[in-house]
């Protein structure tokens, strides 16, 4: 995407916006952009950020748009999410463990200074966490040829929120059979099996939870708690885990503040466990990371005093709905203004088809290169996925997507099932599912067994 980023900064305002990402400790407010325009600007700016980047957005729909765009624009960067944990129900269901695992893995990457992009919604961002020091201190280490107190290890696993079972099947579980201890750490993709010889760990192996067969030998393993905190007392904002060489992007700050207010209003009993807008802004300042407030309209962000206000000139593109003559007319206009046009299509077949159509209409087309070139007067076709097209007039750059040209593809409607809908048939269940019985409460469905009755 080097050519795309280089063309972007030919606009002086966009160049200033991109440079703002490299100003450690500075607060900048950028306005005039929306959708994919934000994503491209951020992607170009993140080239200047050495540490982790946190992007906070109002809802999951916006998060999904950021994820789609950044995967295309920054394919080499790792993108993770910080989901919202269930702060009401502390029961260790499979879903809650998966969410806890995802949150812990993300926080671990932040603490470790990984150069990742962390996407989160307001719901996930405002949940308080334990201090950075507590998080780093709460972990177990086991290594080959190192003595371990078996009983103490098992007690620590229980204290860490792990469930003791007959056979390990999912994250957050462990089992013990004599000198063999199976553990599925919340922070690993596969469970591990530690074999003791006396008090020493003779071997550690990853194994397949379905077949229970060993996969590979390892020398050591780190085990994180099954939940973020062992005391359930959280006072910190997760942004405090960010290092000074990182960056924070507040996507539409006015909407973020409104979403926080609505969340507290709807759940007053959770007020003490949730951060305020002031907490988020304050944590950003304390971290010394770059802060970028980005929005479509120029609006005052409460509690924020930006060092720089940057106005961007950007436009959306009208959908063509498969009308190729309209597309040709627009391309003629863009080319007359010496604009470079990049078209992002979902597959190679789409690229080939559009290339033939455009060449038939007399347009010069570049296609097939993994590193797209942008040339004035030519149309560049690439495969990928982008949320929507846009134009930066002062940079003489136009980006179109398959959806802009061909329209949204119709998908078969899926039947929605309410969360509290009763199970109509046992066939809806699979072994391992958690269920709530009207009389007996929470249980785990293990399967159907045929019994003979006299």
Protein backbone atom coordinates (compact mmCIF):
# COMPACT_ATOMS: atom_id res chain seq x y z
CA UNK A 1 0.00 0.00 0.00
CA UNK A 2 3.03 2.25 -0.18
CA UNK A 3 1.87 3.95 -3.39
CA UNK A 4 -1.57 4.58 -1.86
CA UNK A 5 -0.08 6.18 1.26
CA UNK A 6 2.32 8.29 -0.80
CA UNK A 7 -0.49 9.64 -2.95
CA UNK A 8 -2.54 10.39 0.17
CA UNK A 9 0.07 12.74 1.67
CA UNK A 10 0.27 14.83 -1.51
CA UNK A 11 -2.58 16.75 0.15
CA UNK A 12 -0.93 19.11 2.73
CA UNK A 13 -3.76 18.65 5.26
CA UNK A 14 -3.60 14.87 4.99
CA UNK A 15 0.18 15.05 5.34
CA UNK A 16 -0.22 16.98 8.61
CA UNK A 17 -2.78 14.44 9.82
CA UNK A 18 -0.46 11.51 9.06
CA UNK A 19 2.47 13.25 10.74
CA UNK A 20 0.34 13.76 13.87
CA UNK A 21 0.54 10.01 14.52
CA UNK A 22 4.28 10.38 15.05
CA UNK A 23 3.98 13.20 17.64
CA UNK A 24 4.43 11.26 20.90
CA UNK A 25 2.28 12.62 23.72
CA UNK A 26 0.43 15.07 21.46
CA UNK A 27 -3.35 15.38 21.16
CA UNK A 28 -4.71 16.07 17.67
CA UNK A 29 -8.27 16.46 16.42
CA UNK A 30 -8.95 15.53 12.78
CA UNK A 31 -12.34 16.20 11.21
CA UNK A 32 -14.00 15.96 7.82
CA UNK A 33 -13.63 12.20 7.33
CA UNK A 34 -15.88 9.19 7.77
CA UNK A 35 -15.97 5.46 7.00
CA UNK A 36 -13.15 4.20 4.81
CA UNK A 37 -11.64 7.70 4.69
CA UNK A 38 -10.80 7.37 8.39
CA UNK A 39 -9.39 3.91 7.85
CA UNK A 40 -7.02 4.96 5.07
CA UNK A 41 -5.84 8.00 7.02
CA UNK A 42 -5.26 5.89 10.14
CA UNK A 43 -3.48 3.14 8.18
CA UNK A 44 -1.06 5.69 6.71
CA UNK A 45 -0.52 7.25 10.15
CA UNK A 46 0.05 3.94 11.92
CA UNK A 47 3.19 3.44 9.83
CA UNK A 48 4.71 5.98 12.24
CA UNK A 49 3.58 4.21 15.43
CA UNK A 50 6.06 1.73 16.88
CA UNK A 51 3.91 0.43 19.72
CA UNK A 52 0.33 -0.78 20.02
CA UNK A 53 -2.62 1.24 18.72
CA UNK A 54 -6.03 1.25 20.38
CA UNK A 55 -9.10 2.25 18.35
CA UNK A 56 -12.26 2.92 20.39
CA UNK A 57 -15.53 3.11 18.49
CA UNK A 58 -19.18 3.44 19.48
CA UNK A 59 -20.56 0.05 18.41
CA UNK A 60 -19.72 -3.30 16.89
CA UNK A 61 -20.86 -2.26 13.40
CA UNK A 62 -18.20 0.45 13.32
CA UNK A 63 -15.66 -1.95 14.79
CA UNK A 64 -16.34 -4.44 11.99
CA UNK A 65 -15.82 -1.69 9.40
CA UNK A 66 -12.44 -0.76 10.94
CA UNK A 67 -11.42 -4.43 11.01
CA UNK A 68 -12.35 -5.00 7.36
CA UNK A 69 -10.52 -1.91 6.15
CA UNK A 70 -7.36 -2.32 8.22
CA UNK A 71 -6.95 -5.96 7.23
CA UNK A 72 -6.82 -4.80 3.63
CA UNK A 73 -4.72 -1.68 4.18
CA UNK A 74 -2.28 -3.13 6.73
CA UNK A 75 -2.13 -6.86 5.98
CA UNK A 76 1.11 -7.35 7.92
CA UNK A 77 -0.19 -5.85 11.18
CA UNK A 78 -1.85 -8.06 13.78
CA UNK A 79 -5.39 -6.92 14.58
CA UNK A 80 -7.04 -8.07 17.82
CA UNK A 81 -10.21 -7.14 19.68
CA UNK A 82 -11.01 -6.33 23.29
CA UNK A 83 -14.59 -7.59 23.71
CA UNK A 84 -16.97 -6.57 26.46
CA UNK A 85 -17.01 -9.09 29.30
CA UNK A 86 -20.21 -10.06 31.09
CA UNK A 87 -19.85 -7.93 34.21
CA UNK A 88 -23.18 -9.11 35.65
CA UNK A 89 -22.91 -12.88 35.42
CA UNK A 90 -19.70 -14.37 36.80
CA UNK A 91 -20.69 -17.98 36.05
CA UNK A 92 -17.91 -19.79 34.16
CA UNK A 93 -19.85 -20.66 31.03
CA UNK A 94 -18.01 -21.63 27.88
CA UNK A 95 -18.92 -18.28 26.28
CA UNK A 96 -17.75 -16.24 29.25
CA UNK A 97 -14.45 -18.14 29.31
CA UNK A 98 -13.89 -17.49 25.61
CA UNK A 99 -14.55 -13.78 26.12
CA UNK A 100 -12.28 -13.72 29.16
CA UNK A 101 -9.57 -15.49 27.17
CA UNK A 102 -9.84 -12.95 24.35
CA UNK A 103 -9.65 -10.02 26.75
CA UNK A 104 -6.69 -11.48 28.63
CA UNK A 105 -4.81 -12.24 25.40
CA UNK A 106 -5.37 -8.68 24.20
CA UNK A 107 -4.28 -7.14 27.50
CA UNK A 108 -1.22 -9.41 27.50
CA UNK A 109 -0.21 -8.04 24.08
CA UNK A 110 -0.59 -4.49 25.37
CA UNK A 111 1.50 -5.21 28.46
CA UNK A 112 4.10 -6.96 26.32
CA UNK A 113 4.48 -3.93 24.07
CA UNK A 114 3.39 -5.80 20.94
CA UNK A 115 2.87 -3.67 17.84
CA UNK A 116 -0.76 -4.68 17.46
CA UNK A 117 -3.95 -2.85 16.57
CA UNK A 118 -6.58 -3.25 19.30
CA UNK A 119 -10.19 -2.66 18.28
CA UNK A 120 -12.81 -2.19 20.98
CA UNK A 121 -16.27 -0.73 21.46
CA UNK A 122 -17.36 1.56 24.27
CA UNK A 123 -18.77 -1.47 26.14
CA UNK A 124 -15.36 -3.14 26.15
CA UNK A 125 -13.32 0.01 26.77
CA UNK A 126 -15.13 1.27 29.86
CA UNK A 127 -14.84 -1.94 31.88
CA UNK A 128 -12.26 -1.39 34.59
CA UNK A 129 -9.25 -3.68 34.86
CA UNK A 130 -6.71 -4.51 37.52
CA UNK A 131 -3.51 -2.53 37.66
CA UNK A 132 -0.74 -3.29 35.19
CA UNK A 133 1.44 -4.56 38.06
CA UNK A 134 -1.26 -6.94 39.32
CA UNK A 135 -1.91 -8.24 35.82
CA UNK A 136 1.77 -8.98 35.25
CA UNK A 137 2.11 -10.64 38.66
CA UNK A 138 -0.86 -13.01 38.30
CA UNK A 139 0.58 -15.90 36.29
CA UNK A 140 2.01 -19.37 36.78
CA UNK A 141 5.15 -20.75 35.14
CA UNK A 142 6.02 -24.41 34.74
CA UNK A 143 9.20 -25.65 33.07
CA UNK A 144 10.81 -28.97 32.25
CA UNK A 145 13.29 -30.38 34.77
CA UNK A 146 12.08 -27.91 37.42
CA UNK A 147 10.67 -29.14 40.73
CA UNK A 148 7.00 -28.39 41.41
CA UNK A 149 4.70 -29.04 44.37
CA UNK A 150 1.85 -30.95 42.73
CA UNK A 151 -0.78 -30.17 45.37
CA UNK A 152 0.19 -26.50 45.45
CA UNK A 153 -0.02 -26.28 41.65
CA UNK A 154 -3.54 -27.74 41.67
CA UNK A 155 -4.63 -25.30 44.39
CA UNK A 156 -3.21 -22.40 42.39
CA UNK A 157 -5.13 -23.51 39.29
CA UNK A 158 -8.35 -23.49 41.32
CA UNK A 159 -7.49 -20.03 42.68
CA UNK A 160 -6.89 -18.89 39.09
CA UNK A 161 -10.48 -19.82 38.26
CA UNK A 162 -9.74 -23.09 36.42
CA UNK A 163 -12.34 -25.85 36.52
CA UNK A 164 -11.24 -29.35 37.47
CA UNK A 165 -12.72 -31.97 35.13
CA UNK A 166 -12.28 -35.64 34.31
CA UNK A 167 -10.98 -34.77 30.85
CA UNK A 168 -9.81 -31.40 29.53
CA UNK A 169 -11.98 -30.22 26.64
CA UNK A 170 -11.96 -26.42 26.73
CA UNK A 171 -10.05 -23.41 27.91
CA UNK A 172 -9.94 -22.81 31.64
CA UNK A 173 -10.06 -26.52 32.55
CA UNK A 174 -7.57 -28.91 34.14
CA UNK A 175 -7.41 -32.53 35.22
CA UNK A 176 -4.99 -34.55 37.35
CA UNK A 177 -4.34 -38.28 37.18
CA UNK A 178 -1.45 -39.28 39.39
CA UNK A 179 1.67 -37.69 37.98
CA UNK A 180 -0.06 -36.43 34.82
CA UNK A 181 -1.59 -32.96 34.90
CA UNK A 182 -3.55 -31.66 31.90
CA UNK A 183 -4.14 -27.90 31.70
CA UNK A 184 -5.84 -25.81 29.04
CA UNK A 185 -4.43 -22.33 29.68
CA UNK A 186 -6.75 -19.49 28.83
CA UNK A 187 -3.93 -17.92 26.81
CA UNK A 188 -3.07 -20.92 24.58
CA UNK A 189 -4.68 -22.51 21.54
CA UNK A 190 -3.97 -26.07 22.71
CA UNK A 191 -3.94 -27.68 26.16
CA UNK A 192 -0.69 -28.93 27.70
CA UNK A 193 0.16 -32.15 29.50
CA UNK A 194 2.80 -32.07 32.22
CA UNK A 195 4.22 -35.42 33.36
CA UNK A 196 5.90 -35.51 36.75
CA UNK A 197 8.72 -37.79 37.78
CA UNK A 198 8.73 -37.43 41.52
CA UNK A 199 8.66 -33.67 42.14
CA UNK A 200 10.29 -32.79 38.82
CA UNK A 201 8.45 -32.05 35.57
CA UNK A 202 9.79 -34.69 33.19
CA UNK A 203 8.01 -33.44 30.04
CA UNK A 204 5.51 -30.87 28.78
CA UNK A 205 3.55 -31.54 25.61
CA UNK A 206 0.76 -29.85 23.74
CA UNK A 207 -2.07 -32.22 22.86
CA UNK A 208 -5.23 -32.32 20.79
CA UNK A 209 -8.28 -31.99 23.11
CA UNK A 210 -10.41 -34.13 20.74
CA UNK A 211 -8.07 -37.08 20.33
CA UNK A 212 -6.07 -36.49 23.54
CA UNK A 213 -2.94 -37.28 21.51
CA UNK A 214 0.29 -35.34 21.89
CA UNK A 215 1.11 -32.77 19.22
CA UNK A 216 4.50 -31.33 20.13
CA UNK A 217 6.93 -31.07 23.04
CA UNK A 218 7.62 -27.69 24.68
CA UNK A 219 10.03 -26.61 27.39
CA UNK A 220 7.87 -24.24 29.40
CA UNK A 221 4.40 -22.76 29.62
CA UNK A 222 2.90 -19.61 31.11
CA UNK A 223 -0.59 -19.91 32.60
CA UNK A 224 -2.75 -16.81 32.98
CA UNK A 225 -5.86 -16.63 35.20
CA UNK A 226 -9.19 -17.69 33.73
CA UNK A 227 -10.53 -14.22 34.55
CA UNK A 228 -8.94 -10.79 34.42
CA UNK A 229 -8.80 -10.38 38.17
CA UNK A 230 -8.74 -12.85 41.03
CA UNK A 231 -10.32 -10.43 43.50
CA UNK A 232 -12.94 -8.88 41.18
CA UNK A 233 -11.78 -5.47 42.40
CA UNK A 234 -10.81 -3.44 39.32
CA UNK A 235 -9.94 0.24 39.47
CA UNK A 236 -7.82 0.96 36.40
CA UNK A 237 -8.58 1.92 32.79
CA UNK A 238 -7.19 -0.53 30.25
CA UNK A 239 -5.49 2.34 28.40
CA UNK A 240 -3.02 2.46 31.30
CA UNK A 241 -1.50 -0.73 29.82
CA UNK A 242 -0.45 1.21 26.71
CA UNK A 243 3.21 2.22 26.36
CA UNK A 244 4.30 5.78 25.43
CA UNK A 245 5.24 4.67 21.90
CA UNK A 246 1.62 3.68 21.22
CA UNK A 247 -1.42 5.54 19.91
CA UNK A 248 -5.11 5.93 20.77
CA UNK A 249 -7.78 6.74 18.19
CA UNK A 250 -11.10 7.99 19.55
CA UNK A 251 -13.57 7.42 16.70
CA UNK A 252 -16.34 10.06 16.84
CA UNK A 253 -15.70 11.25 20.43
CA UNK A 254 -19.14 12.84 20.83
CA UNK A 255 -20.79 9.49 20.08
CA UNK A 256 -18.42 7.70 22.43
CA UNK A 257 -19.36 10.02 25.28
CA UNK A 258 -23.08 9.60 24.53
CA UNK A 259 -22.70 5.81 24.44
CA UNK A 260 -20.98 5.80 27.85
CA UNK A 261 -23.74 7.95 29.34
CA UNK A 262 -26.42 5.66 27.91
CA UNK A 263 -24.64 2.54 29.17
CA UNK A 264 -24.50 3.86 32.74
CA UNK A 265 -28.11 5.07 32.56
CA UNK A 266 -29.33 1.65 31.42
CA UNK A 267 -27.20 -0.22 34.01
CA UNK A 268 -26.97 2.02 37.11
CA UNK A 269 -25.91 -0.94 39.26
CA UNK A 270 -22.72 -1.23 37.19
CA UNK A 271 -21.68 2.40 37.55
CA UNK A 272 -18.86 1.63 40.01
CA UNK A 273 -17.31 -0.96 37.67
CA UNK A 274 -17.37 1.25 34.57
CA UNK A 275 -15.08 4.07 33.50
CA UNK A 276 -16.37 7.51 32.66
CA UNK A 277 -15.48 9.55 29.59
CA UNK A 278 -13.18 11.61 31.80
CA UNK A 279 -11.44 8.40 32.95
CA UNK A 280 -10.73 7.36 29.34
CA UNK A 281 -9.42 10.78 28.38
CA UNK A 282 -7.34 11.00 31.54
CA UNK A 283 -5.82 7.55 31.05
CA UNK A 284 -4.82 8.54 27.53
CA UNK A 285 -2.95 11.56 28.84
CA UNK A 286 -1.19 9.53 31.55
CA UNK A 287 -0.02 6.90 29.07
CA UNK A 288 1.82 9.62 27.07
CA UNK A 289 0.69 7.87 23.88
CA UNK A 290 -0.38 9.79 20.79
CA UNK A 291 -4.07 10.71 20.98
CA UNK A 292 -6.08 11.20 17.80
CA UNK A 293 -9.72 12.34 17.94
CA UNK A 294 -11.28 11.76 14.54
CA UNK A 295 -14.78 12.73 13.39
CA UNK A 296 -16.85 13.87 10.44
CA UNK A 297 -17.95 17.16 12.03
CA UNK A 298 -15.93 19.59 14.09
CA UNK A 299 -17.26 19.10 17.60
CA UNK A 300 -15.71 19.97 20.93
CA UNK A 301 -14.54 16.83 22.74
CA UNK A 302 -15.32 17.38 26.42
CA UNK A 303 -12.17 17.46 28.55
CA UNK A 304 -9.85 17.47 25.53
CA UNK A 305 -7.54 20.30 24.54
CA UNK A 306 -6.00 19.34 21.19
CA UNK A 307 -2.65 20.82 20.22
CA UNK A 308 -3.72 20.78 16.59
CA UNK A 309 -6.99 20.96 14.65
CA UNK A 310 -6.81 19.49 11.15
CA UNK A 311 -9.57 19.87 8.57
CA UNK A 312 -9.66 17.28 5.77
CA UNK A 313 -11.39 17.68 2.41
CA UNK A 314 -13.01 14.38 1.46
CA UNK A 315 -16.01 13.19 -0.53
CA UNK A 316 -18.07 10.06 -0.80
CA UNK A 317 -18.80 8.34 -4.10
CA UNK A 318 -22.26 7.73 -5.51
CA UNK A 319 -23.21 4.07 -6.13
CA UNK A 320 -23.37 2.98 -9.77
CA UNK A 321 -25.71 -0.01 -9.36
CA UNK A 322 -24.11 -1.87 -12.28
CA UNK A 323 -24.63 1.05 -14.70
CA UNK A 324 -21.31 0.90 -16.52
CA UNK A 325 -22.08 3.97 -18.61
CA UNK A 326 -22.33 6.04 -15.42
CA UNK A 327 -19.03 4.60 -14.22
CA UNK A 328 -17.39 5.49 -17.55
CA UNK A 329 -18.66 9.06 -17.31
CA UNK A 330 -17.25 9.45 -13.78
CA UNK A 331 -13.91 7.92 -14.80
CA UNK A 332 -13.68 10.42 -17.65
CA UNK A 333 -14.23 13.26 -15.19
CA UNK A 334 -11.67 11.94 -12.69
CA UNK A 335 -9.08 11.42 -15.40
CA UNK A 336 -9.65 14.93 -16.73
CA UNK A 337 -8.69 16.14 -13.23
CA UNK A 338 -5.60 13.89 -13.30
CA UNK A 339 -6.91 11.69 -10.48
CA UNK A 340 -5.61 8.19 -9.78
CA UNK A 341 -8.38 5.63 -9.41
CA UNK A 342 -8.02 2.47 -7.33
CA UNK A 343 -10.77 -0.17 -7.54
CA UNK A 344 -10.93 -2.84 -4.82
CA UNK A 345 -12.79 -6.00 -5.89
CA UNK A 346 -13.65 -9.16 -4.01
CA UNK A 347 -12.10 -11.69 -6.39
CA UNK A 348 -9.89 -12.23 -9.39
CA UNK A 349 -12.89 -13.05 -11.59
CA UNK A 350 -14.41 -9.65 -10.83
CA UNK A 351 -11.09 -7.99 -11.66
CA UNK A 352 -10.84 -9.78 -14.98
CA UNK A 353 -14.43 -8.97 -15.94
CA UNK A 354 -14.17 -5.28 -15.05
CA UNK A 355 -10.79 -5.00 -16.79
CA UNK A 356 -12.31 -6.21 -20.04
CA UNK A 357 -15.26 -3.81 -19.75
CA UNK A 358 -13.06 -0.79 -19.00
CA UNK A 359 -10.55 -1.59 -21.75
CA UNK A 360 -13.43 -1.97 -24.19
CA UNK A 361 -14.49 1.57 -23.21
CA UNK A 362 -10.98 2.84 -23.91
CA UNK A 363 -9.56 3.10 -20.38
CA UNK A 364 -6.01 2.12 -19.50
CA UNK A 365 -6.12 -0.52 -16.76
CA UNK A 366 -3.44 -1.86 -14.39
CA UNK A 367 -4.28 -5.20 -12.76
CA UNK A 368 -2.71 -8.26 -11.21
CA UNK A 369 0.05 -6.59 -9.19
CA UNK A 370 0.24 -7.50 -5.47
CA UNK A 371 1.69 -4.00 -4.88
CA UNK A 372 -0.74 -1.65 -6.65
CA UNK A 373 0.65 1.28 -8.60
CA UNK A 374 -1.25 4.54 -8.92
CA UNK A 375 -0.82 6.30 -12.24
CA UNK A 376 -2.63 9.41 -13.39
CA UNK A 377 -5.10 8.62 -16.12
CA UNK A 378 -5.18 4.88 -15.40
CA UNK A 379 -7.47 2.61 -13.38
CA UNK A 380 -5.75 0.21 -10.97
CA UNK A 381 -7.62 -2.98 -10.02
CA UNK A 382 -6.75 -4.98 -6.89
CA UNK A 383 -8.41 -7.79 -4.99
CA UNK A 384 -9.40 -7.26 -1.40
CA UNK A 385 -12.18 -6.04 0.83
CA UNK A 386 -12.89 -2.43 1.77
CA UNK A 387 -16.00 -1.09 3.47
CA UNK A 388 -16.72 1.66 0.95
CA UNK A 389 -15.32 4.03 -1.65
CA UNK A 390 -14.38 7.70 -1.31
CA UNK A 391 -12.48 10.57 -2.89
CA UNK A 392 -9.74 12.86 -1.60
CA UNK A 393 -9.94 15.67 -4.20
CA UNK A 394 -6.82 17.58 -3.10
CA UNK A 395 -4.77 14.39 -3.20
CA UNK A 396 -6.31 13.54 -6.59
CA UNK A 397 -7.16 10.09 -5.26
CA UNK A 398 -10.33 8.05 -5.83
CA UNK A 399 -11.01 4.66 -4.27
CA UNK A 400 -13.93 2.50 -5.42
CA UNK A 401 -15.16 -0.83 -4.10
CA UNK A 402 -17.08 -3.70 -5.61
CA UNK A 403 -20.14 -2.60 -3.66
CA UNK A 404 -19.95 0.91 -5.13
CA UNK A 405 -19.94 -0.46 -8.68
CA UNK A 406 -22.12 -3.58 -8.51
CA UNK A 407 -24.23 -2.86 -5.44
CA UNK A 408 -24.70 -4.90 -2.32
CA UNK A 409 -25.01 -8.62 -2.99
CA UNK A 410 -28.21 -10.18 -1.75
CA UNK A 411 -27.77 -12.82 0.92
CA UNK A 412 -30.13 -15.48 2.08
CA UNK A 413 -31.92 -14.33 5.20
CA UNK A 414 -31.04 -16.24 8.31
CA UNK A 415 -33.66 -16.93 10.89
CA UNK A 416 -32.98 -14.94 14.04
CA UNK A 417 -33.32 -16.73 17.33
CA UNK A 418 -33.93 -14.73 20.49
CA UNK A 419 -31.38 -15.21 23.25
CA UNK A 420 -34.02 -16.35 25.71
CA UNK A 421 -35.87 -18.67 23.30
CA UNK A 422 -36.62 -22.11 24.69
CA UNK A 423 -35.09 -25.18 23.08
CA UNK A 424 -37.66 -26.83 20.84
CA UNK A 425 -35.83 -30.13 20.44
CA UNK A 426 -32.82 -31.93 21.94
CA UNK A 427 -31.51 -32.02 18.36
CA UNK A 428 -30.74 -28.30 18.79
CA UNK A 429 -28.06 -29.26 21.34
CA UNK A 430 -24.60 -30.71 20.91
CA UNK A 431 -22.44 -32.35 23.61
CA UNK A 432 -20.72 -29.75 25.73
CA UNK A 433 -23.45 -27.09 25.43
CA UNK A 434 -24.51 -25.36 28.62
CA UNK A 435 -28.26 -25.26 29.32
CA UNK A 436 -30.56 -23.78 31.97
CA UNK A 437 -33.18 -26.19 33.32
CA UNK A 438 -36.36 -24.62 34.70
CA UNK A 439 -36.09 -26.70 37.88
CA UNK A 440 -32.46 -27.77 38.28
CA UNK A 441 -30.68 -24.65 37.00
CA UNK A 442 -27.47 -24.61 34.96
CA UNK A 443 -26.23 -27.91 33.53
CA UNK A 444 -24.03 -29.32 30.80
CA UNK A 445 -25.55 -31.41 28.02
CA UNK A 446 -23.48 -34.60 27.58
CA UNK A 447 -25.57 -36.43 24.99
CA UNK A 448 -28.48 -38.91 24.65
CA UNK A 449 -28.26 -42.41 26.05
CA UNK A 450 -30.77 -45.18 25.26
CA UNK A 451 -31.79 -47.12 28.41
CA UNK A 452 -33.78 -50.33 28.64
CA UNK A 453 -36.61 -50.29 31.17
CA UNK A 454 -38.27 -53.33 32.67
